[in-house]
Structure formats: C-alpha cells, structure tokens
Amino acid sequence: MKTTLLSLLAVMMIPAISSAKIEDFNTMINENSQAQIQLRNDLKESLGSAQQAQAKAPKKMIEIANEFENGTNSQTKKSMLTFDKETIHYRASEAKKMNRLANEIKSADRTF
C-alpha cells in the first residue's frame, strides 16, 4: 500500500515539476529573444550614427596624397635587397630554363 501510494504520488509530482521547468525554460527563451532584439536595435542605431559621422567627416586622403607628391623615388638594385644565401644558392626554375633554351634556339634559327 505504501509503495503504491508513493508511486502514485511520484507519478503525479513528476509532470507538475516538469511543466514548471518547461514554463521557466520558455520564459528564459522569451527573455533571451527580447534581449537579442534589443541588442540588434541598439546595433542598428549605433551603426547608423557611425555612418552619418563618417559621411560628415572631412576627407583626409587628399592631404596624404599631397604629402607624397613632394617625395622622390630612387631605383634600388634587387641584389641589394636579397640575402647572400639567396644569391649564392640561386637556381632558376625548370620552366624558366626551358623557356630560355627555347628562345635561344628560336633566335639562332632566325639568324641562319
């Protein structure tokens, strides 16, 4: 009798507890979705204000370009910018070697 009463009580309590948890879970989901909507709206507002501020800002690219006009460019040798190891162990690729050989053969055929 006690076991049947306890089992009946357990059977009746489990759905009540689970429905309470489901309701709490649903309220959590609703709160999270509302918070997410609010964050999206705040982000849209801040993005809009940032775009307006950027559109009103003066263009600085023209001033930077004018500063570079006064500079001078000088040519630099490639050998100056390479490491000694690169210059000592330099090997052309096979494709470049074959192209150079083909060009030499073509130029030799033209001269004959």
Protein backbone atom coordinates (compact mmCIF):
# COMPACT_ATOMS: atom_id res chain seq x y z
CA MET A 1 0.00 0.00 0.00
CA LYS A 2 2.79 2.40 0.90
CA THR A 3 4.66 1.62 -2.32
CA THR A 4 1.59 2.17 -4.45
CA LEU A 5 0.88 5.41 -2.65
CA LEU A 6 4.47 6.58 -3.11
CA SER A 7 4.48 5.55 -6.76
CA LEU A 8 1.16 7.31 -7.34
CA LEU A 9 2.49 10.41 -5.61
CA ALA A 10 5.69 10.28 -7.72
CA VAL A 11 3.68 9.83 -10.90
CA MET A 12 1.58 12.86 -10.07
CA MET A 13 4.52 15.05 -9.00
CA ILE A 14 6.80 14.43 -12.00
CA PRO A 15 4.52 16.12 -14.58
CA ALA A 16 3.89 19.06 -12.26
CA ILE A 17 7.64 19.61 -11.72
CA SER A 18 8.47 19.15 -15.39
CA SER A 19 5.77 21.59 -16.51
CA ALA A 20 7.15 24.18 -14.08
CA LYS A 21 10.62 23.68 -15.53
CA ILE A 22 9.25 23.97 -19.08
CA GLU A 23 7.48 27.21 -18.21
CA ASP A 24 10.69 28.57 -16.71
CA PHE A 25 12.59 27.48 -19.79
CA ASN A 26 10.05 29.18 -22.07
CA THR A 27 10.31 32.41 -20.12
CA MET A 28 14.09 32.23 -20.39
CA ILE A 29 13.82 31.79 -24.16
CA ASN A 30 11.40 34.72 -24.42
CA GLU A 31 13.67 36.95 -22.32
CA ASN A 32 16.70 36.00 -24.40
CA SER A 33 14.89 36.68 -27.68
CA GLN A 34 13.73 40.07 -26.40
CA ALA A 35 17.26 40.92 -25.28
CA GLN A 36 18.58 39.86 -28.68
CA ILE A 37 16.04 42.08 -30.47
CA GLN A 38 17.02 44.99 -28.23
CA LEU A 39 20.73 44.44 -28.95
CA ARG A 40 20.04 44.34 -32.68
CA ASN A 41 18.13 47.61 -32.50
CA ASP A 42 20.93 49.24 -30.48
CA LEU A 43 23.47 48.00 -33.00
CA LYS A 44 21.46 49.39 -35.92
CA GLU A 45 21.20 52.77 -34.20
CA SER A 46 24.91 52.93 -33.41
CA LEU A 47 25.80 51.81 -36.93
CA GLY A 48 23.55 54.49 -38.40
CA SER A 49 25.11 57.20 -36.24
CA ALA A 50 28.62 55.98 -37.12
CA GLN A 51 27.79 56.09 -40.84
CA GLN A 52 26.42 59.62 -40.51
CA ALA A 53 29.53 60.73 -38.62
CA GLN A 54 31.76 59.18 -41.26
CA ALA A 55 29.83 60.89 -44.06
CA LYS A 56 30.21 64.27 -42.32
CA ALA A 57 33.93 63.81 -41.62
CA PRO A 58 36.32 65.67 -43.92
CA LYS A 59 38.31 63.61 -46.40
CA LYS A 60 41.95 63.28 -45.36
CA MET A 61 43.10 61.16 -48.28
CA ILE A 62 43.69 64.26 -50.43
CA GLU A 63 46.07 65.73 -47.84
CA ILE A 64 48.02 62.48 -47.58
CA ALA A 65 48.36 62.27 -51.37
CA ASN A 66 49.68 65.83 -51.47
CA GLU A 67 52.35 64.96 -48.92
CA PHE A 68 53.63 62.13 -51.11
CA GLU A 69 53.97 64.39 -54.19
CA ASN A 70 56.94 66.15 -52.62
CA GLY A 71 58.91 62.93 -52.12
CA THR A 72 61.44 61.46 -54.53
CA ASN A 73 61.75 57.91 -55.71
CA SER A 74 65.08 56.28 -56.37
CA GLN A 75 65.79 52.99 -58.05
CA THR A 76 67.11 50.18 -55.92
CA LYS A 77 69.07 47.18 -57.12
CA LYS A 78 67.44 43.84 -56.42
CA SER A 79 70.78 42.42 -55.32
CA MET A 80 70.87 44.98 -52.54
CA LEU A 81 67.64 43.65 -51.08
CA THR A 82 68.45 39.92 -51.28
CA PHE A 83 70.29 37.85 -48.72
CA ASP A 84 73.74 36.46 -49.51
CA LYS A 85 72.42 32.92 -49.16
CA GLU A 86 69.83 33.64 -51.87
CA THR A 87 72.40 34.96 -54.30
CA ILE A 88 74.86 32.11 -53.71
CA HIS A 89 72.33 29.26 -53.95
CA TYR A 90 70.14 30.76 -56.68
CA ARG A 91 68.68 28.27 -59.16
CA ALA A 92 66.23 29.15 -61.89
CA SER A 93 63.10 27.05 -62.14
CA GLU A 94 62.92 24.29 -64.74
CA ALA A 95 60.17 26.09 -66.64
CA LYS A 96 62.29 29.25 -66.90
CA LYS A 97 65.29 27.22 -68.03
CA MET A 98 63.26 25.55 -70.77
CA ASN A 99 61.79 28.89 -71.92
CA ARG A 100 65.26 30.44 -72.09
CA LEU A 101 66.59 27.48 -74.07
CA ALA A 102 63.64 27.62 -76.47
CA ASN A 103 64.14 31.35 -77.00
CA GLU A 104 67.85 30.84 -77.67
CA ILE A 105 67.07 28.12 -80.25
CA LYS A 106 64.45 30.34 -81.97
CA SER A 107 66.84 33.27 -82.12
CA ALA A 108 69.59 31.02 -83.52
CA ASP A 109 67.19 29.68 -86.22
CA ARG A 110 66.26 33.25 -87.22
CA THR A 111 69.87 34.24 -87.74
CA PHE A 112 70.50 31.31 -90.17
